[in-house]
């Protein structure tokens, strides 16, 4: 079974940092919308791809290929699951304003 995702949308809410082992990571949302709906996807990029997302900035448009990943953890005795898109390759980009954001973003 293939696990391939291609998304193109507006970069939202970038949270970038360096892990304890020195790897750069950027967690961010992608906003994809049409005339009727807005969809938000949680995404994660590592190392050079994380730096590229940071340089594109919030409000920039990006197209990338990746795969789905599911993280899970325990909270208050319950198992929590979260699906994200793990970025493998950025194929298109246009930079945005570091101050641009979409206040409607749910996460």
PDB file of N, CA and C in Angstrom:
ATOM      1  N   UNK A   1       0.833  -1.180   0.000  1.00  0.00           N
ATOM      2  CA  UNK A   1       0.000   0.000   0.000  1.00  0.00           C
ATOM      3  C   UNK A   1       0.881   1.248   0.000  1.00  0.00           C
ATOM      4  N   UNK A   2       0.617   2.148  -0.945  1.00  0.00           N
ATOM      5  CA  UNK A   2       1.391   3.387  -1.034  1.00  0.00           C
ATOM      6  C   UNK A   2       0.925   4.395   0.005  1.00  0.00           C
ATOM      7  N   UNK A   3       1.845   5.205   0.449  1.00  0.00           N
ATOM      8  CA  UNK A   3       1.552   6.268   1.401  1.00  0.00           C
ATOM      9  C   UNK A   3       2.172   7.550   0.860  1.00  0.00           C
ATOM     10  N   UNK A   4       1.575   8.091  -0.189  1.00  0.00           N
ATOM     11  CA  UNK A   4       2.080   9.297  -0.830  1.00  0.00           C
ATOM     12  C   UNK A   4       1.037  10.398  -0.777  1.00  0.00           C
ATOM     13  N   UNK A   5       1.492  11.597  -0.441  1.00  0.00           N
ATOM     14  CA  UNK A   5       0.612  12.754  -0.346  1.00  0.00           C
ATOM     15  C   UNK A   5       1.269  13.906  -1.103  1.00  0.00           C
ATOM     16  N   UNK A   6       0.487  14.623  -1.907  1.00  0.00           N
ATOM     17  CA  UNK A   6       0.938  15.868  -2.511  1.00  0.00           C
ATOM     18  C   UNK A   6      -0.031  16.956  -2.088  1.00  0.00           C
ATOM     19  N   UNK A   7       0.486  18.020  -1.497  1.00  0.00           N
ATOM     20  CA  UNK A   7      -0.337  19.138  -1.047  1.00  0.00           C
ATOM     21  C   UNK A   7       0.205  20.447  -1.597  1.00  0.00           C
ATOM     22  N   UNK A   8      -0.705  21.364  -1.886  1.00  0.00           N
ATOM     23  CA  UNK A   8      -0.324  22.722  -2.230  1.00  0.00           C
ATOM     24  C   UNK A   8      -1.255  23.640  -1.474  1.00  0.00           C
ATOM     25  N   UNK A   9      -0.681  24.576  -0.741  1.00  0.00           N
ATOM     26  CA  UNK A   9      -1.496  25.492   0.031  1.00  0.00           C
ATOM     27  C   UNK A   9      -0.661  26.552   0.711  1.00  0.00           C
ATOM     28  N   UNK A  10      -1.336  27.300   1.555  1.00  0.00           N
ATOM     29  CA  UNK A  10      -0.750  28.434   2.257  1.00  0.00           C
ATOM     30  C   UNK A  10      -0.160  27.974   3.589  1.00  0.00           C
ATOM     31  N   UNK A  11       1.088  28.342   3.838  1.00  0.00           N
ATOM     32  CA  UNK A  11       1.776  27.978   5.079  1.00  0.00           C
ATOM     33  C   UNK A  11       1.200  28.797   6.235  1.00  0.00           C
ATOM     34  N   UNK A  12       0.872  28.121   7.323  1.00  0.00           N
ATOM     35  CA  UNK A  12       0.289  28.753   8.508  1.00  0.00           C
ATOM     36  C   UNK A  12       1.005  28.265   9.771  1.00  0.00           C
ATOM     37  N   UNK A  13       1.088  29.114  10.755  1.00  0.00           N
ATOM     38  CA  UNK A  13       1.517  28.768  12.121  1.00  0.00           C
ATOM     39  C   UNK A  13       2.731  27.850  12.173  1.00  0.00           C
ATOM     40  N   UNK A  14       3.876  28.393  11.823  1.00  0.00           N
ATOM     41  CA  UNK A  14       5.131  27.633  11.860  1.00  0.00           C
ATOM     42  C   UNK A  14       5.668  27.619  13.292  1.00  0.00           C
ATOM     43  N   UNK A  15       5.974  26.426  13.796  1.00  0.00           N
ATOM     44  CA  UNK A  15       6.638  26.252  15.084  1.00  0.00           C
ATOM     45  C   UNK A  15       7.933  25.496  14.810  1.00  0.00           C
ATOM     46  N   UNK A  16       9.049  26.217  14.783  1.00  0.00           N
ATOM     47  CA  UNK A  16      10.330  25.606  14.445  1.00  0.00           C
ATOM     48  C   UNK A  16      11.255  25.632  15.651  1.00  0.00           C
ATOM     49  N   UNK A  17      12.025  24.567  15.796  1.00  0.00           N
ATOM     50  CA  UNK A  17      13.033  24.521  16.845  1.00  0.00           C
ATOM     51  C   UNK A  17      14.075  23.470  16.508  1.00  0.00           C
ATOM     52  N   UNK A  18      15.026  23.314  17.395  1.00  0.00           N
ATOM     53  CA  UNK A  18      16.074  22.309  17.238  1.00  0.00           C
ATOM     54  C   UNK A  18      15.897  21.270  18.332  1.00  0.00           C
ATOM     55  N   UNK A  19      15.937  19.996  17.959  1.00  0.00           N
ATOM     56  CA  UNK A  19      15.750  18.922  18.926  1.00  0.00           C
ATOM     57  C   UNK A  19      16.980  18.810  19.818  1.00  0.00           C
ATOM     58  N   UNK A  20      16.871  18.019  20.861  1.00  0.00           N
ATOM     59  CA  UNK A  20      17.990  17.788  21.765  1.00  0.00           C
ATOM     60  C   UNK A  20      19.182  17.143  21.079  1.00  0.00           C
ATOM     61  N   UNK A  21      18.935  16.473  19.946  1.00  0.00           N
ATOM     62  CA  UNK A  21      20.022  15.836  19.199  1.00  0.00           C
ATOM     63  C   UNK A  21      20.550  16.730  18.078  1.00  0.00           C
ATOM     64  N   UNK A  22      20.061  17.995  18.029  1.00  0.00           N
ATOM     65  CA  UNK A  22      20.578  18.961  17.077  1.00  0.00           C
ATOM     66  C   UNK A  22      19.897  18.992  15.723  1.00  0.00           C
ATOM     67  N   UNK A  23      18.774  18.292  15.560  1.00  0.00           N
ATOM     68  CA  UNK A  23      18.065  18.291  14.280  1.00  0.00           C
ATOM     69  C   UNK A  23      17.046  19.422  14.239  1.00  0.00           C
ATOM     70  N   UNK A  24      16.981  20.110  13.117  1.00  0.00           N
ATOM     71  CA  UNK A  24      16.017  21.196  12.922  1.00  0.00           C
ATOM     72  C   UNK A  24      14.688  20.598  12.501  1.00  0.00           C
ATOM     73  N   UNK A  25      13.594  21.063  13.118  1.00  0.00           N
ATOM     74  CA  UNK A  25      12.258  20.570  12.793  1.00  0.00           C
ATOM     75  C   UNK A  25      11.298  21.754  12.728  1.00  0.00           C
ATOM     76  N   UNK A  26      10.407  21.717  11.755  1.00  0.00           N
ATOM     77  CA  UNK A  26       9.356  22.739  11.635  1.00  0.00           C
ATOM     78  C   UNK A  26       8.008  22.042  11.569  1.00  0.00           C
ATOM     79  N   UNK A  27       7.171  22.319  12.545  1.00  0.00           N
ATOM     80  CA  UNK A  27       5.774  21.895  12.519  1.00  0.00           C
ATOM     81  C   UNK A  27       4.973  23.083  12.021  1.00  0.00           C
ATOM     82  N   UNK A  28       4.051  22.834  11.097  1.00  0.00           N
ATOM     83  CA  UNK A  28       3.284  23.928  10.511  1.00  0.00           C
ATOM     84  C   UNK A  28       1.968  23.391   9.972  1.00  0.00           C
ATOM     85  N   UNK A  29       1.080  24.296   9.651  1.00  0.00           N
ATOM     86  CA  UNK A  29      -0.191  23.938   9.031  1.00  0.00           C
ATOM     87  C   UNK A  29      -0.174  24.376   7.577  1.00  0.00           C
ATOM     88  N   UNK A  30      -0.887  23.652   6.746  1.00  0.00           N
ATOM     89  CA  UNK A  30      -1.139  24.040   5.366  1.00  0.00           C
ATOM     90  C   UNK A  30      -2.636  24.296   5.235  1.00  0.00           C
ATOM     91  N   UNK A  31      -2.974  25.457   4.706  1.00  0.00           N
ATOM     92  CA  UNK A  31      -4.369  25.798   4.422  1.00  0.00           C
ATOM     93  C   UNK A  31      -4.619  25.543   2.946  1.00  0.00           C
ATOM     94  N   UNK A  32      -5.582  24.667   2.672  1.00  0.00           N
ATOM     95  CA  UNK A  32      -6.042  24.440   1.303  1.00  0.00           C
ATOM     96  C   UNK A  32      -7.515  24.804   1.301  1.00  0.00           C
ATOM     97  N   UNK A  33      -7.936  25.581   0.309  1.00  0.00           N
ATOM     98  CA  UNK A  33      -9.341  25.979   0.280  1.00  0.00           C
ATOM     99  C   UNK A  33      -9.865  26.029  -1.142  1.00  0.00           C
ATOM    100  N   UNK A  34     -11.177  25.873  -1.235  1.00  0.00           N
ATOM    101  CA  UNK A  34     -11.868  26.100  -2.496  1.00  0.00           C
ATOM    102  C   UNK A  34     -13.000  27.077  -2.216  1.00  0.00           C
ATOM    103  N   UNK A  35     -13.963  27.164  -3.096  1.00  0.00           N
ATOM    104  CA  UNK A  35     -15.037  28.150  -2.934  1.00  0.00           C
ATOM    105  C   UNK A  35     -15.899  27.898  -1.695  1.00  0.00           C
ATOM    106  N   UNK A  36     -15.989  26.656  -1.251  1.00  0.00           N
ATOM    107  CA  UNK A  36     -16.904  26.316  -0.157  1.00  0.00           C
ATOM    108  C   UNK A  36     -16.220  25.989   1.166  1.00  0.00           C
ATOM    109  N   UNK A  37     -15.032  25.434   1.110  1.00  0.00           N
ATOM    110  CA  UNK A  37     -14.439  24.884   2.314  1.00  0.00           C
ATOM    111  C   UNK A  37     -12.993  25.327   2.504  1.00  0.00           C
ATOM    112  N   UNK A  38     -12.575  25.313   3.783  1.00  0.00           N
ATOM    113  CA  UNK A  38     -11.175  25.474   4.154  1.00  0.00           C
ATOM    114  C   UNK A  38     -10.758  24.188   4.862  1.00  0.00           C
ATOM    115  N   UNK A  39      -9.606  23.679   4.480  1.00  0.00           N
ATOM    116  CA  UNK A  39      -9.058  22.492   5.123  1.00  0.00           C
ATOM    117  C   UNK A  39      -7.671  22.833   5.644  1.00  0.00           C
ATOM    118  N   UNK A  40      -7.361  22.371   6.842  1.00  0.00           N
ATOM    119  CA  UNK A  40      -6.059  22.579   7.452  1.00  0.00           C
ATOM    120  C   UNK A  40      -5.406  21.217   7.668  1.00  0.00           C
ATOM    121  N   UNK A  41      -4.144  21.120   7.285  1.00  0.00           N
ATOM    122  CA  UNK A  41      -3.393  19.884   7.450  1.00  0.00           C
ATOM    123  C   UNK A  41      -2.178  20.166   8.313  1.00  0.00           C
ATOM    124  N   UNK A  42      -1.959  19.344   9.339  1.00  0.00           N
ATOM    125  CA  UNK A  42      -0.756  19.451  10.155  1.00  0.00           C
ATOM    126  C   UNK A  42       0.383  18.791   9.404  1.00  0.00           C
ATOM    127  N   UNK A  43       1.536  19.459   9.395  1.00  0.00           N
ATOM    128  CA  UNK A  43       2.686  18.972   8.636  1.00  0.00           C
ATOM    129  C   UNK A  43       3.952  19.094   9.475  1.00  0.00           C
ATOM    130  N   UNK A  44       4.958  18.308   9.102  1.00  0.00           N
ATOM    131  CA  UNK A  44       6.262  18.386   9.759  1.00  0.00           C
ATOM    132  C   UNK A  44       7.354  18.249   8.701  1.00  0.00           C
ATOM    133  N   UNK A  45       8.386  19.082   8.831  1.00  0.00           N
ATOM    134  CA  UNK A  45       9.542  19.039   7.937  1.00  0.00           C
ATOM    135  C   UNK A  45      10.805  19.015   8.795  1.00  0.00           C
ATOM    136  N   UNK A  46      11.818  18.300   8.311  1.00  0.00           N
ATOM    137  CA  UNK A  46      13.058  18.125   9.058  1.00  0.00           C
ATOM    138  C   UNK A  46      14.246  18.709   8.313  1.00  0.00           C
ATOM    139  N   UNK A  47      15.243  19.152   9.072  1.00  0.00           N
ATOM    140  CA  UNK A  47      16.540  19.613   8.597  1.00  0.00           C
ATOM    141  C   UNK A  47      16.425  20.670   7.498  1.00  0.00           C
ATOM    142  N   UNK A  48      16.983  20.435   6.291  1.00  0.00           N
ATOM    143  CA  UNK A  48      16.965  21.444   5.231  1.00  0.00           C
ATOM    144  C   UNK A  48      15.544  21.814   4.820  1.00  0.00           C
ATOM    145  N   UNK A  49      14.628  20.844   4.823  1.00  0.00           N
ATOM    146  CA  UNK A  49      13.239  21.137   4.477  1.00  0.00           C
ATOM    147  C   UNK A  49      12.597  22.030   5.534  1.00  0.00           C
ATOM    148  N   UNK A  50      12.950  21.837   6.789  1.00  0.00           N
ATOM    149  CA  UNK A  50      12.450  22.702   7.869  1.00  0.00           C
ATOM    150  C   UNK A  50      12.945  24.128   7.661  1.00  0.00           C
ATOM    151  N   UNK A  51      14.214  24.268   7.337  1.00  0.00           N
ATOM    152  CA  UNK A  51      14.771  25.597   7.083  1.00  0.00           C
ATOM    153  C   UNK A  51      14.101  26.255   5.874  1.00  0.00           C
ATOM    154  N   UNK A  52      13.782  25.458   4.871  1.00  0.00           N
ATOM    155  CA  UNK A  52      13.112  26.003   3.691  1.00  0.00           C
ATOM    156  C   UNK A  52      11.702  26.486   4.036  1.00  0.00           C
ATOM    157  N   UNK A  53      10.978  25.732   4.840  1.00  0.00           N
ATOM    158  CA  UNK A  53       9.643  26.168   5.287  1.00  0.00           C
ATOM    159  C   UNK A  53       9.772  27.469   6.067  1.00  0.00           C
ATOM    160  N   UNK A  54      10.761  27.560   6.935  1.00  0.00           N
ATOM    161  CA  UNK A  54      10.981  28.793   7.690  1.00  0.00           C
ATOM    162  C   UNK A  54      11.250  29.969   6.760  1.00  0.00           C
ATOM    163  N   UNK A  55      12.042  29.757   5.710  1.00  0.00           N
ATOM    164  CA  UNK A  55      12.366  30.854   4.795  1.00  0.00           C
ATOM    165  C   UNK A  55      11.167  31.234   3.925  1.00  0.00           C
ATOM    166  N   UNK A  56      10.313  30.286   3.615  1.00  0.00           N
ATOM    167  CA  UNK A  56       9.084  30.592   2.869  1.00  0.00           C
ATOM    168  C   UNK A  56       8.197  31.488   3.724  1.00  0.00           C
ATOM    169  N   UNK A  57       8.087  31.144   4.995  1.00  0.00           N
ATOM    170  CA  UNK A  57       7.356  31.969   5.953  1.00  0.00           C
ATOM    171  C   UNK A  57       5.854  31.788   5.906  1.00  0.00           C
ATOM    172  N   UNK A  58       5.220  32.267   6.964  1.00  0.00           N
ATOM    173  CA  UNK A  58       3.764  32.202   7.056  1.00  0.00           C
ATOM    174  C   UNK A  58       3.150  33.062   5.965  1.00  0.00           C
ATOM    175  N   UNK A  59       2.133  32.531   5.326  1.00  0.00           N
ATOM    176  CA  UNK A  59       1.480  33.233   4.233  1.00  0.00           C
ATOM    177  C   UNK A  59       2.028  32.853   2.877  1.00  0.00           C
ATOM    178  N   UNK A  60       3.192  32.189   2.844  1.00  0.00           N
ATOM    179  CA  UNK A  60       3.747  31.714   1.585  1.00  0.00           C
ATOM    180  C   UNK A  60       2.974  30.508   1.079  1.00  0.00           C
ATOM    181  N   UNK A  61       3.097  30.249  -0.205  1.00  0.00           N
ATOM    182  CA  UNK A  61       2.434  29.095  -0.802  1.00  0.00           C
ATOM    183  C   UNK A  61       3.495  28.060  -1.133  1.00  0.00           C
ATOM    184  N   UNK A  62       3.197  26.813  -0.806  1.00  0.00           N
ATOM    185  CA  UNK A  62       4.152  25.736  -1.022  1.00  0.00           C
ATOM    186  C   UNK A  62       3.422  24.522  -1.573  1.00  0.00           C
ATOM    187  N   UNK A  63       4.111  23.790  -2.435  1.00  0.00           N
ATOM    188  CA  UNK A  63       3.623  22.488  -2.905  1.00  0.00           C
ATOM    189  C   UNK A  63       4.701  21.481  -2.548  1.00  0.00           C
ATOM    190  N   UNK A  64       4.291  20.363  -1.960  1.00  0.00           N
ATOM    191  CA  UNK A  64       5.272  19.368  -1.563  1.00  0.00           C
ATOM    192  C   UNK A  64       4.709  17.965  -1.652  1.00  0.00           C
ATOM    193  N   UNK A  65       5.634  17.016  -1.693  1.00  0.00           N
ATOM    194  CA  UNK A  65       5.309  15.594  -1.634  1.00  0.00           C
ATOM    195  C   UNK A  65       5.716  15.093  -0.262  1.00  0.00           C
ATOM    196  N   UNK A  66       4.941  14.161   0.256  1.00  0.00           N
ATOM    197  CA  UNK A  66       5.251  13.604   1.559  1.00  0.00           C
ATOM    198  C   UNK A  66       4.474  12.332   1.803  1.00  0.00           C
ATOM    199  N   UNK A  67       4.381  11.976   3.069  1.00  0.00           N
ATOM    200  CA  UNK A  67       3.646  10.779   3.477  1.00  0.00           C
ATOM    201  C   UNK A  67       2.912  11.065   4.772  1.00  0.00           C
ATOM    202  N   UNK A  68       1.870  10.294   5.023  1.00  0.00           N
ATOM    203  CA  UNK A  68       1.128  10.430   6.273  1.00  0.00           C
ATOM    204  C   UNK A  68       1.862   9.700   7.379  1.00  0.00           C
ATOM    205  N   UNK A  69       1.816  10.290   8.557  1.00  0.00           N
ATOM    206  CA  UNK A  69       2.366   9.618   9.729  1.00  0.00           C
ATOM    207  C   UNK A  69       1.395   9.841  10.875  1.00  0.00           C
ATOM    208  N   UNK A  70       1.293   8.862  11.744  1.00  0.00           N
ATOM    209  CA  UNK A  70       0.400   8.953  12.888  1.00  0.00           C
ATOM    210  C   UNK A  70       1.238   8.881  14.157  1.00  0.00           C
ATOM    211  N   UNK A  71       1.139   9.927  14.975  1.00  0.00           N
ATOM    212  CA  UNK A  71       1.782   9.952  16.285  1.00  0.00           C
ATOM    213  C   UNK A  71       0.732   9.595  17.328  1.00  0.00           C
ATOM    214  N   UNK A  72       1.165   8.999  18.410  1.00  0.00           N
ATOM    215  CA  UNK A  72       0.226   8.697  19.495  1.00  0.00           C
ATOM    216  C   UNK A  72       0.933   8.848  20.829  1.00  0.00           C
ATOM    217  N   UNK A  73       0.131   9.179  21.856  1.00  0.00           N
ATOM    218  CA  UNK A  73       0.649   9.334  23.207  1.00  0.00           C
ATOM    219  C   UNK A  73      -0.510   9.160  24.181  1.00  0.00           C
ATOM    220  N   UNK A  74      -0.154   8.972  25.433  1.00  0.00           N
ATOM    221  CA  UNK A  74      -1.132   8.818  26.510  1.00  0.00           C
ATOM    222  C   UNK A  74      -1.377  10.167  27.172  1.00  0.00           C
ATOM    223  N   UNK A  75      -2.649  10.482  27.420  1.00  0.00           N
ATOM    224  CA  UNK A  75      -2.995  11.685  28.159  1.00  0.00           C
ATOM    225  C   UNK A  75      -4.210  11.373  29.020  1.00  0.00           C
ATOM    226  N   UNK A  76      -4.051  11.570  30.321  1.00  0.00           N
ATOM    227  CA  UNK A  76      -5.134  11.304  31.273  1.00  0.00           C
ATOM    228  C   UNK A  76      -5.705   9.896  31.099  1.00  0.00           C
ATOM    229  N   UNK A  77      -4.812   8.932  30.867  1.00  0.00           N
ATOM    230  CA  UNK A  77      -5.229   7.543  30.741  1.00  0.00           C
ATOM    231  C   UNK A  77      -5.863   7.181  29.403  1.00  0.00           C
ATOM    232  N   UNK A  78      -5.862   8.109  28.464  1.00  0.00           N
ATOM    233  CA  UNK A  78      -6.437   7.838  27.147  1.00  0.00           C
ATOM    234  C   UNK A  78      -5.363   7.940  26.076  1.00  0.00           C
ATOM    235  N   UNK A  79      -5.474   7.128  25.064  1.00  0.00           N
ATOM    236  CA  UNK A  79      -4.546   7.154  23.936  1.00  0.00           C
ATOM    237  C   UNK A  79      -5.021   8.220  22.947  1.00  0.00           C
ATOM    238  N   UNK A  80      -4.132   9.160  22.620  1.00  0.00           N
ATOM    239  CA  UNK A  80      -4.410  10.251  21.677  1.00  0.00           C
ATOM    240  C   UNK A  80      -3.663   9.952  20.375  1.00  0.00           C
ATOM    241  N   UNK A  81      -4.328  10.158  19.243  1.00  0.00           N
ATOM    242  CA  UNK A  81      -3.718   9.964  17.930  1.00  0.00           C
ATOM    243  C   UNK A  81      -3.757  11.274  17.155  1.00  0.00           C
ATOM    244  N   UNK A  82      -2.687  11.554  16.423  1.00  0.00           N
ATOM    245  CA  UNK A  82      -2.618  12.756  15.601  1.00  0.00           C
ATOM    246  C   UNK A  82      -1.971  12.392  14.262  1.00  0.00           C
ATOM    247  N   UNK A  83      -2.644  12.740  13.180  1.00  0.00           N
ATOM    248  CA  UNK A  83      -2.131  12.472  11.844  1.00  0.00           C
ATOM    249  C   UNK A  83      -1.463  13.726  11.298  1.00  0.00           C
ATOM    250  N   UNK A  84      -0.272  13.557  10.741  1.00  0.00           N
ATOM    251  CA  UNK A  84       0.486  14.658  10.141  1.00  0.00           C
ATOM    252  C   UNK A  84       0.991  14.216   8.775  1.00  0.00           C
ATOM    253  N   UNK A  85       1.350  15.213   7.970  1.00  0.00           N
ATOM    254  CA  UNK A  85       2.014  14.940   6.708  1.00  0.00           C
ATOM    255  C   UNK A  85       3.508  15.187   6.916  1.00  0.00           C
ATOM    256  N   UNK A  86       4.315  14.168   6.666  1.00  0.00           N
ATOM    257  CA  UNK A  86       5.768  14.264   6.784  1.00  0.00           C
ATOM    258  C   UNK A  86       6.312  14.687   5.422  1.00  0.00           C
ATOM    259  N   UNK A  87       6.910  15.882   5.341  1.00  0.00           N
ATOM    260  CA  UNK A  87       7.373  16.448   4.076  1.00  0.00           C
ATOM    261  C   UNK A  87       8.651  15.739   3.621  1.00  0.00           C
ATOM    262  N   UNK A  88       8.663  15.296   2.336  1.00  0.00           N
ATOM    263  CA  UNK A  88       9.836  14.647   1.754  1.00  0.00           C
ATOM    264  C   UNK A  88      10.528  15.520   0.715  1.00  0.00           C
ATOM    265  N   UNK A  89       9.746  16.336  -0.010  1.00  0.00           N
ATOM    266  CA  UNK A  89      10.304  17.127  -1.103  1.00  0.00           C
ATOM    267  C   UNK A  89       9.411  18.336  -1.361  1.00  0.00           C
ATOM    268  N   UNK A  90      10.012  19.517  -1.434  1.00  0.00           N
ATOM    269  CA  UNK A  90       9.274  20.730  -1.795  1.00  0.00           C
ATOM    270  C   UNK A  90       9.464  20.942  -3.294  1.00  0.00           C
ATOM    271  N   UNK A  91       8.346  21.037  -4.019  1.00  0.00           N
ATOM    272  CA  UNK A  91       8.413  21.127  -5.482  1.00  0.00           C
ATOM    273  C   UNK A  91       8.087  22.517  -6.013  1.00  0.00           C
ATOM    274  N   UNK A  92       7.357  23.325  -5.251  1.00  0.00           N
ATOM    275  CA  UNK A  92       7.049  24.707  -5.642  1.00  0.00           C
ATOM    276  C   UNK A  92       7.005  25.551  -4.380  1.00  0.00           C
ATOM    277  N   UNK A  93       7.329  26.846  -4.536  1.00  0.00           N
ATOM    278  CA  UNK A  93       7.274  27.727  -3.373  1.00  0.00           C
ATOM    279  C   UNK A  93       7.131  29.171  -3.807  1.00  0.00           C
ATOM    280  N   UNK A  94       6.457  29.947  -2.987  1.00  0.00           N
ATOM    281  CA  UNK A  94       6.468  31.400  -3.114  1.00  0.00           C
ATOM    282  C   UNK A  94       6.425  31.948  -1.696  1.00  0.00           C
ATOM    283  N   UNK A  95       7.307  32.874  -1.411  1.00  0.00           N
ATOM    284  CA  UNK A  95       7.466  33.368  -0.048  1.00  0.00           C
ATOM    285  C   UNK A  95       6.309  34.261   0.365  1.00  0.00           C
ATOM    286  N   UNK A  96       6.011  34.217   1.650  1.00  0.00           N
ATOM    287  CA  UNK A  96       4.956  35.044   2.217  1.00  0.00           C
ATOM    288  C   UNK A  96       5.523  36.007   3.225  1.00  0.00           C
ATOM    289  N   UNK A  97       4.650  36.671   3.925  1.00  0.00           N
ATOM    290  CA  UNK A  97       5.033  37.595   4.986  1.00  0.00           C
ATOM    291  C   UNK A  97       5.160  36.816   6.280  1.00  0.00           C
ATOM    292  N   UNK A  98       6.215  37.063   7.022  1.00  0.00           N
ATOM    293  CA  UNK A  98       6.395  36.396   8.314  1.00  0.00           C
ATOM    294  C   UNK A  98       5.269  36.741   9.284  1.00  0.00           C
ATOM    295  N   UNK A  99       4.536  37.813   9.010  1.00  0.00           N
ATOM    296  CA  UNK A  99       3.469  38.234   9.913  1.00  0.00           C
ATOM    297  C   UNK A  99       2.093  37.799   9.434  1.00  0.00           C
ATOM    298  N   UNK A 100       2.026  37.180   8.270  1.00  0.00           N
ATOM    299  CA  UNK A 100       0.730  36.742   7.741  1.00  0.00           C
ATOM    300  C   UNK A 100       0.287  35.497   8.489  1.00  0.00           C
ATOM    301  N   UNK A 101      -0.993  35.435   8.813  1.00  0.00           N
ATOM    302  CA  UNK A 101      -1.543  34.233   9.434  1.00  0.00           C
ATOM    303  C   UNK A 101      -3.040  34.213   9.165  1.00  0.00           C
ATOM    304  N   UNK A 102      -3.612  33.070   9.432  1.00  0.00           N
ATOM    305  CA  UNK A 102      -5.043  32.922   9.275  1.00  0.00           C
ATOM    306  C   UNK A 102      -5.615  32.657  10.658  1.00  0.00           C
ATOM    307  N   UNK A 103      -6.267  33.642  11.227  1.00  0.00           N
ATOM    308  CA  UNK A 103      -6.758  33.522  12.601  1.00  0.00           C
ATOM    309  C   UNK A 103      -7.797  32.422  12.766  1.00  0.00           C
ATOM    310  N   UNK A 104      -8.361  31.931  11.660  1.00  0.00           N
ATOM    311  CA  UNK A 104      -9.340  30.856  11.744  1.00  0.00           C
ATOM    312  C   UNK A 104      -8.706  29.483  11.906  1.00  0.00           C
ATOM    313  N   UNK A 105      -7.375  29.403  11.786  1.00  0.00           N
ATOM    314  CA  UNK A 105      -6.719  28.098  11.835  1.00  0.00           C
ATOM    315  C   UNK A 105      -7.060  27.391  13.143  1.00  0.00           C
ATOM    316  N   UNK A 106      -7.519  26.126  13.052  1.00  0.00           N
ATOM    317  CA  UNK A 106      -7.964  25.426  14.258  1.00  0.00           C
ATOM    318  C   UNK A 106      -6.845  24.903  15.134  1.00  0.00           C
ATOM    319  N   UNK A 107      -5.611  24.867  14.644  1.00  0.00           N
ATOM    320  CA  UNK A 107      -4.487  24.369  15.454  1.00  0.00           C
ATOM    321  C   UNK A 107      -3.216  25.048  15.061  1.00  0.00           C
TER     322      UNK A 107
END
